[in-house]
C-alpha cells in the first residue's frame, strides 16, 4: 500500500513539474518584458483587422499580416495559373509547381544578396567589402522559412479544395501548427519595433562603417545578454552613422522582445518636465518604462558643431529622472562636445551595478 502511495505521489510530483514548466513557458511568452500582454496582442490584432488603413496609416504588425496573406495568395494563384495554362490539368502538379517555384525564389532572395556580398540598396558593406556586423542568419532563415510555408499553404489549399482525392491533410495540419508558432514570435516582434518609434527601420548588419573588433564584440554582447544596465556613448561627426548604429543595436534587442524607445534630446528634455509623462497615441510603454532608450542629437554635429549644453547643464535638467536612467540601457548619441567630460559624467562608481560602453566613430 505504501509503494502505491509513493508511486502516486511521484506521479503527482511529475505532473506538478510538467504543469509548472508549461505555465513558465506561457509566462515567458506573454510577460517576458512585462509590458506586452496577451490582451495587448489581441487588441493590436483587432486594430489591424478592423478599420481603414487609408484613415489611420499602416502599422508594422498590419504590414506583416498583409505580407503573409500575399504569400498565401501567390502560392494559390500560381497553382491556378499552372493548372489552366498547361495541358496537364492536374491539381497535384499545379500545387507542387507553385510551391517549388516560390521556394526557389525565396532561396535566392535569402542567399543571393546576402552571400554574394554585392553592395546595393539591399546589402550595405563597409570599405573592406565586408559586413561590420554579421547578419543574424538563423533569424533571417526563420523569416524566409515562414514565408515559404505560407506559399506552400496556399498551393496545398488549392490542391485540397479542388481535388477530392487529396489525402495529405496532415501536411496542412503541420503547416498550420508551424505557422501558428511563427505568428506567436513574429507578430509581437512587429509590435516591439512599432512601439519603439524608430525614425527608420534597419538591422545592425546594414551598418556600413568600420569599427574596432573589440567594439564589435562589446556591441554584440550588449545586444545578446547585458545583465547589468549599460550606458552607451556613440560619439562622432556628421555622416558617421551614429543614429543608424544606435537604431540597429536597439532593433536587435527588439527582435529579442525587449522594449525600446527612441527620443530626440530636445523632446526628451521636454518629457522630463511633463508630469505624468505622456506620449500621443496608443502605447504599451514610454521611454521611462522601456528596457533600452536611444537619446538622439545630444549636441548635434555639423553644421552646428559645438556644445549647446555641457554635462553640468544636462545634469541639472535631468536630475529628477537620473534614478530612472541609471537603471536602464541608454544609448547617448553625441555629435559634439568633450568626450572625456561625458566619460567622467557617466563613469561607474564601485557601488553601482552599471556598465559603460564608448563607441567613438
Protein backbone atom coordinates (compact mmCIF):
# COMPACT_ATOMS: atom_id res chain seq x y z
CA UNK A 1 0.00 0.00 0.00
CA UNK A 2 2.87 2.34 0.82
CA UNK A 3 4.50 1.62 -2.55
CA UNK A 4 1.29 2.57 -4.35
CA UNK A 5 1.10 5.74 -2.32
CA UNK A 6 4.72 6.58 -3.14
CA UNK A 7 4.05 5.90 -6.82
CA UNK A 8 1.01 8.18 -6.79
CA UNK A 9 2.97 10.92 -5.04
CA UNK A 10 5.72 10.54 -7.64
CA UNK A 11 3.19 10.91 -10.47
CA UNK A 12 1.74 13.99 -8.77
CA UNK A 13 5.22 15.48 -8.48
CA UNK A 14 5.89 14.87 -12.18
CA UNK A 15 2.51 16.34 -13.08
CA UNK A 16 3.22 19.44 -10.99
CA UNK A 17 6.64 19.76 -12.60
CA UNK A 18 5.17 19.49 -16.11
CA UNK A 19 2.36 21.90 -15.28
CA UNK A 20 4.86 24.36 -13.83
CA UNK A 21 7.04 24.10 -16.95
CA UNK A 22 4.05 24.78 -19.22
CA UNK A 23 2.99 27.75 -17.10
CA UNK A 24 6.53 29.12 -17.11
CA UNK A 25 6.74 28.84 -20.90
CA UNK A 26 3.41 30.63 -21.16
CA UNK A 27 4.61 33.40 -18.87
CA UNK A 28 7.90 33.70 -20.74
CA UNK A 29 5.95 34.20 -23.96
CA UNK A 30 3.43 36.68 -22.62
CA UNK A 31 5.28 38.54 -19.89
CA UNK A 32 8.97 38.31 -20.65
CA UNK A 33 9.21 42.09 -20.77
CA UNK A 34 6.22 42.79 -18.50
CA UNK A 35 4.99 45.36 -20.99
CA UNK A 36 3.21 43.34 -23.68
CA UNK A 37 0.37 41.13 -22.51
CA UNK A 38 -1.90 38.74 -24.34
CA UNK A 39 -4.70 41.31 -24.25
CA UNK A 40 -2.33 43.88 -25.81
CA UNK A 41 -1.60 41.49 -28.68
CA UNK A 42 -5.30 40.77 -29.20
CA UNK A 43 -6.05 44.50 -29.10
CA UNK A 44 -3.41 45.19 -31.75
CA UNK A 45 -4.74 42.33 -33.88
CA UNK A 46 -8.25 43.78 -33.65
CA UNK A 47 -6.94 47.21 -34.65
CA UNK A 48 -5.07 45.71 -37.61
CA UNK A 49 -8.03 43.71 -38.89
CA UNK A 50 -10.77 46.30 -38.34
CA UNK A 51 -10.61 49.82 -39.75
CA UNK A 52 -9.28 51.53 -42.86
CA UNK A 53 -5.55 51.94 -43.33
CA UNK A 54 -6.18 54.97 -45.56
CA UNK A 55 -7.59 56.71 -42.49
CA UNK A 56 -5.07 55.83 -39.79
CA UNK A 57 -1.99 54.58 -41.68
CA UNK A 58 -0.34 51.16 -41.76
CA UNK A 59 1.29 49.62 -38.69
CA UNK A 60 4.24 47.23 -38.90
CA UNK A 61 2.10 44.43 -37.49
CA UNK A 62 -0.56 45.08 -40.14
CA UNK A 63 2.12 45.08 -42.84
CA UNK A 64 3.33 41.67 -41.62
CA UNK A 65 -0.20 40.23 -41.78
CA UNK A 66 -0.75 41.68 -45.26
CA UNK A 67 2.61 40.35 -46.42
CA UNK A 68 1.84 36.80 -45.29
CA UNK A 69 -1.63 36.93 -46.81
CA UNK A 70 0.10 37.94 -50.04
CA UNK A 71 2.41 34.92 -49.82
CA UNK A 72 -0.57 32.61 -49.28
CA UNK A 73 -2.43 34.17 -52.21
CA UNK A 74 0.57 33.99 -54.56
CA UNK A 75 1.02 30.31 -53.73
CA UNK A 76 -2.61 29.64 -54.58
CA UNK A 77 -2.65 31.93 -57.63
CA UNK A 78 0.40 30.39 -59.31
CA UNK A 79 -1.14 26.92 -58.85
CA UNK A 80 -4.33 28.14 -60.57
CA UNK A 81 -2.32 29.62 -63.45
CA UNK A 82 -0.28 26.44 -63.92
CA UNK A 83 -3.42 24.28 -63.87
CA UNK A 84 -5.22 26.30 -66.56
CA UNK A 85 -2.20 27.28 -68.68
CA UNK A 86 -0.71 23.80 -69.15
CA UNK A 87 -2.13 20.68 -70.75
CA UNK A 88 -1.57 18.54 -67.64
CA UNK A 89 -4.80 19.58 -65.85
CA UNK A 90 -3.56 18.04 -62.61
CA UNK A 91 -4.16 19.71 -59.27
CA UNK A 92 -1.23 17.95 -57.59
CA UNK A 93 1.32 19.05 -60.21
CA UNK A 94 -0.02 22.60 -60.07
CA UNK A 95 0.39 22.70 -56.29
CA UNK A 96 3.92 21.22 -56.36
CA UNK A 97 4.97 23.53 -59.19
CA UNK A 98 3.75 26.63 -57.36
CA UNK A 99 5.37 25.66 -54.06
CA UNK A 100 8.65 24.76 -55.76
CA UNK A 101 8.86 27.98 -57.80
CA UNK A 102 8.27 30.16 -54.77
CA UNK A 103 10.73 28.11 -52.70
CA UNK A 104 13.44 28.69 -55.31
CA UNK A 105 12.56 32.39 -55.38
CA UNK A 106 12.86 32.68 -51.59
CA UNK A 107 16.13 30.72 -51.51
CA UNK A 108 17.61 33.20 -53.96
CA UNK A 109 16.05 36.08 -52.04
CA UNK A 110 17.67 34.73 -48.86
CA UNK A 111 21.06 33.57 -50.07
CA UNK A 112 21.62 35.71 -53.16
CA UNK A 113 22.05 39.28 -51.90
CA UNK A 114 23.48 38.28 -48.51
CA UNK A 115 26.09 35.75 -49.65
CA UNK A 116 27.16 37.42 -52.87
CA UNK A 117 28.13 40.45 -50.78
CA UNK A 118 27.37 42.85 -53.59
CA UNK A 119 26.97 46.36 -52.24
CA UNK A 120 23.48 47.54 -53.17
CA UNK A 121 20.40 49.18 -51.76
CA UNK A 122 19.57 45.87 -50.04
CA UNK A 123 23.06 44.96 -48.82
CA UNK A 124 25.35 47.56 -47.24
CA UNK A 125 29.05 46.69 -46.91
CA UNK A 126 31.90 48.58 -45.30
CA UNK A 127 35.03 49.88 -47.05
CA UNK A 128 36.54 46.39 -46.91
CA UNK A 129 33.52 44.93 -48.76
CA UNK A 130 32.52 43.01 -45.64
CA UNK A 131 29.81 43.08 -43.02
CA UNK A 132 30.92 45.00 -39.97
CA UNK A 133 28.26 43.07 -38.04
CA UNK A 134 27.31 39.67 -39.39
CA UNK A 135 23.66 39.16 -40.35
CA UNK A 136 21.55 37.14 -37.94
CA UNK A 137 21.44 34.13 -40.23
CA UNK A 138 19.16 31.99 -38.06
CA UNK A 139 16.65 34.81 -37.66
CA UNK A 140 16.67 35.54 -41.41
CA UNK A 141 16.26 31.82 -42.15
CA UNK A 142 13.33 31.68 -39.74
CA UNK A 143 11.71 34.58 -41.58
CA UNK A 144 12.39 33.03 -45.01
CA UNK A 145 11.12 29.60 -43.98
CA UNK A 146 7.93 31.18 -42.63
CA UNK A 147 7.35 32.91 -45.98
CA UNK A 148 7.93 29.64 -47.84
CA UNK A 149 5.43 27.83 -45.61
CA UNK A 150 2.77 30.42 -46.41
CA UNK A 151 3.45 29.88 -50.13
CA UNK A 152 3.05 26.11 -49.70
CA UNK A 153 -0.08 26.58 -47.58
CA UNK A 154 -1.66 28.49 -50.45
CA UNK A 155 -0.58 25.89 -53.01
CA UNK A 156 -1.87 22.92 -50.99
CA UNK A 157 -5.08 24.76 -50.12
CA UNK A 158 -5.77 24.96 -53.88
CA UNK A 159 -4.98 21.25 -54.19
CA UNK A 160 -7.20 20.32 -51.23
CA UNK A 161 -10.15 22.46 -52.31
CA UNK A 162 -10.43 21.28 -55.91
CA UNK A 163 -9.26 17.67 -55.71
CA UNK A 164 -11.50 15.31 -53.73
CA UNK A 165 -8.76 12.66 -53.75
CA UNK A 166 -6.45 14.91 -51.68
CA UNK A 167 -5.19 12.68 -48.87
CA UNK A 168 -2.37 14.75 -47.36
CA UNK A 169 -4.36 16.68 -44.82
CA UNK A 170 -1.57 16.09 -42.33
CA UNK A 171 0.60 18.48 -44.38
CA UNK A 172 -1.94 21.26 -43.95
CA UNK A 173 -2.13 20.48 -40.22
CA UNK A 174 1.67 20.60 -39.84
CA UNK A 175 1.87 23.84 -41.83
CA UNK A 176 -0.90 25.32 -39.71
CA UNK A 177 0.83 24.35 -36.44
CA UNK A 178 4.18 25.75 -37.56
CA UNK A 179 2.68 28.99 -38.84
CA UNK A 180 0.78 29.45 -35.58
CA UNK A 181 4.10 29.15 -33.72
CA UNK A 182 5.76 31.55 -36.16
CA UNK A 183 2.92 34.02 -35.66
CA UNK A 184 3.49 33.92 -31.90
CA UNK A 185 7.03 35.19 -32.48
CA UNK A 186 6.83 37.50 -35.49
CA UNK A 187 3.64 39.38 -34.69
CA UNK A 188 4.87 40.56 -31.24
CA UNK A 189 8.25 41.44 -32.80
CA UNK A 190 6.50 43.84 -35.17
CA UNK A 191 4.71 45.40 -32.19
CA UNK A 192 8.01 45.84 -30.34
CA UNK A 193 9.53 47.56 -33.39
CA UNK A 194 6.42 49.65 -33.92
CA UNK A 195 6.19 50.89 -30.33
CA UNK A 196 9.88 51.85 -30.29
CA UNK A 197 9.08 54.67 -32.74
CA UNK A 198 12.38 54.44 -34.58
CA UNK A 199 12.66 57.09 -37.33
CA UNK A 200 13.51 54.32 -39.82
CA UNK A 201 13.92 50.53 -39.90
CA UNK A 202 17.38 48.97 -40.09
CA UNK A 203 19.15 45.83 -38.92
CA UNK A 204 22.57 46.08 -37.34
CA UNK A 205 24.17 44.18 -40.23
CA UNK A 206 23.16 47.03 -42.55
CA UNK A 207 25.51 49.44 -40.78
CA UNK A 208 28.29 50.00 -43.30
CA UNK A 209 31.03 51.82 -41.40
CA UNK A 210 34.21 50.42 -39.82
CA UNK A 211 34.52 49.69 -36.11
CA UNK A 212 37.30 48.31 -33.94
CA UNK A 213 36.95 44.50 -33.44
CA UNK A 214 36.84 44.92 -29.66
CA UNK A 215 33.97 47.39 -30.00
CA UNK A 216 32.16 44.96 -32.29
CA UNK A 217 32.34 42.27 -29.60
CA UNK A 218 31.12 44.73 -26.97
CA UNK A 219 28.14 45.76 -29.11
CA UNK A 220 27.22 42.13 -29.77
CA UNK A 221 27.46 41.38 -26.05
CA UNK A 222 25.24 44.37 -25.29
CA UNK A 223 22.61 43.03 -27.69
CA UNK A 224 22.80 39.42 -26.64
CA UNK A 225 22.84 39.45 -22.87
CA UNK A 226 23.70 42.50 -20.83
CA UNK A 227 22.96 41.50 -17.27
CA UNK A 228 23.73 45.00 -16.00
CA UNK A 229 22.26 48.29 -17.22
CA UNK A 230 24.62 49.71 -19.82
CA UNK A 231 25.10 53.28 -20.96
CA UNK A 232 26.48 53.54 -24.48
CA UNK A 233 28.11 56.69 -25.83
CA UNK A 234 28.13 56.89 -29.63
CA UNK A 235 30.35 59.86 -30.41
CA UNK A 236 31.37 61.24 -33.79
CA UNK A 237 30.93 63.82 -36.52
CA UNK A 238 28.32 64.12 -39.25
CA UNK A 239 27.66 61.19 -41.62
CA UNK A 240 29.41 58.67 -39.36
CA UNK A 241 26.29 56.54 -38.96
CA UNK A 242 25.74 57.29 -35.28
CA UNK A 243 21.93 57.17 -35.33
CA UNK A 244 21.85 54.20 -37.71
CA UNK A 245 24.17 52.25 -35.41
CA UNK A 246 22.04 53.06 -32.37
CA UNK A 247 18.80 52.07 -34.14
CA UNK A 248 20.45 48.85 -35.35
CA UNK A 249 21.53 47.95 -31.80
CA UNK A 250 18.08 48.65 -30.37
CA UNK A 251 16.38 46.84 -33.25
CA UNK A 252 18.31 43.65 -32.49
CA UNK A 253 17.14 43.89 -28.88
CA UNK A 254 13.56 44.42 -30.08
CA UNK A 255 13.88 41.16 -32.01
CA UNK A 256 14.61 39.56 -28.63
CA UNK A 257 11.36 41.03 -27.25
CA UNK A 258 12.99 43.89 -25.39
CA UNK A 259 11.10 47.15 -25.06
CA UNK A 260 12.89 50.02 -26.79
CA UNK A 261 12.22 53.71 -27.23
CA UNK A 262 13.68 56.46 -29.39
CA UNK A 263 13.51 60.12 -28.47
CA UNK A 264 15.38 63.21 -29.74
CA UNK A 265 17.24 65.03 -26.99
CA UNK A 266 15.11 68.19 -27.18
CA UNK A 267 11.91 66.10 -26.88
CA UNK A 268 13.49 64.14 -24.04
CA UNK A 269 14.15 67.32 -22.04
CA UNK A 270 10.55 68.38 -22.65
CA UNK A 271 9.22 65.00 -21.49
CA UNK A 272 11.34 65.17 -18.33
CA UNK A 273 9.36 68.24 -17.26
CA UNK A 274 5.96 66.77 -18.12
CA UNK A 275 4.24 65.01 -15.22
CA UNK A 276 2.97 62.46 -15.81
CA UNK A 277 4.90 61.63 -18.96
CA UNK A 278 2.53 61.05 -21.87
CA UNK A 279 3.11 60.11 -25.50
CA UNK A 280 0.41 60.95 -28.08
CA UNK A 281 -1.41 57.92 -29.43
CA UNK A 282 -1.67 54.35 -28.10
CA UNK A 283 1.46 53.00 -26.47
CA UNK A 284 2.29 49.96 -24.36
CA UNK A 285 5.33 51.69 -22.88
CA UNK A 286 7.15 55.01 -23.00
CA UNK A 287 10.81 55.96 -22.65
CA UNK A 288 10.62 55.80 -18.86
CA UNK A 289 9.43 52.20 -18.77
CA UNK A 290 11.45 50.91 -21.74
CA UNK A 291 14.34 48.49 -21.45
CA UNK A 292 16.56 50.31 -23.96
CA UNK A 293 16.38 54.05 -24.63
CA UNK A 294 18.00 55.96 -27.51
CA UNK A 295 18.57 59.67 -26.84
CA UNK A 296 19.49 61.23 -30.18
CA UNK A 297 21.06 64.55 -31.19
CA UNK A 298 22.74 65.39 -27.90
CA UNK A 299 24.77 68.39 -29.04
CA UNK A 300 24.40 67.70 -32.78
CA UNK A 301 27.44 67.68 -35.04
CA UNK A 302 27.99 69.80 -38.18
CA UNK A 303 26.84 72.34 -39.20
CA UNK A 304 26.41 73.44 -35.56
CA UNK A 305 29.48 71.62 -34.31
CA UNK A 306 29.58 72.91 -30.74
CA UNK A 307 28.01 72.21 -27.36
CA UNK A 308 24.56 73.64 -26.83
CA UNK A 309 24.61 72.13 -23.34
CA UNK A 310 27.53 70.74 -21.37
CA UNK A 311 27.27 67.81 -18.97
CA UNK A 312 26.73 70.03 -15.94
CA UNK A 313 23.81 71.78 -17.60
CA UNK A 314 22.34 68.49 -18.78
CA UNK A 315 22.69 67.01 -15.30
CA UNK A 316 20.67 69.87 -13.82
CA UNK A 317 17.93 69.34 -16.43
CA UNK A 318 17.57 65.58 -15.94
CA UNK A 319 18.25 65.39 -12.20
CA UNK A 320 14.70 64.24 -11.43
CA UNK A 321 14.90 61.23 -13.78
CA UNK A 322 18.52 60.19 -13.23
CA UNK A 323 17.44 57.32 -11.00
CA UNK A 324 15.33 56.00 -13.89
CA UNK A 325 18.07 56.45 -16.49
CA UNK A 326 20.76 54.87 -14.36
CA UNK A 327 18.70 51.67 -14.06
CA UNK A 328 18.15 51.11 -17.79
CA UNK A 329 20.13 50.76 -21.01
CA UNK A 330 20.65 54.19 -22.54
CA UNK A 331 22.32 54.94 -25.88
CA UNK A 332 23.55 58.54 -25.96
CA UNK A 333 24.19 59.86 -29.50
CA UNK A 334 26.59 62.79 -29.15
CA UNK A 335 27.80 64.81 -32.11
CA UNK A 336 29.92 67.46 -30.39
CA UNK A 337 31.40 68.30 -27.02
CA UNK A 338 34.03 67.00 -24.64
CA UNK A 339 34.07 63.20 -24.81
CA UNK A 340 36.24 62.99 -21.68
CA UNK A 341 33.67 65.05 -19.79
CA UNK A 342 30.94 62.61 -20.85
CA UNK A 343 33.05 59.64 -19.76
CA UNK A 344 33.53 61.29 -16.38
CA UNK A 345 29.82 62.14 -16.13
CA UNK A 346 28.71 58.57 -16.86
CA UNK A 347 31.59 56.89 -15.02
CA UNK A 348 30.78 53.82 -12.98
CA UNK A 349 31.21 54.10 -9.24
CA UNK A 350 32.34 50.96 -7.35
CA UNK A 351 28.93 50.57 -5.70
CA UNK A 352 26.96 50.95 -8.96
CA UNK A 353 25.78 47.95 -10.91
CA UNK A 354 26.10 49.55 -14.30
CA UNK A 355 28.38 49.36 -17.33
CA UNK A 356 29.72 51.95 -19.78
CA UNK A 357 30.49 51.39 -23.47
CA UNK A 358 32.13 54.09 -25.57
CA UNK A 359 31.94 53.95 -29.39
CA UNK A 360 33.95 56.76 -30.95
CA UNK A 361 33.28 56.87 -34.71
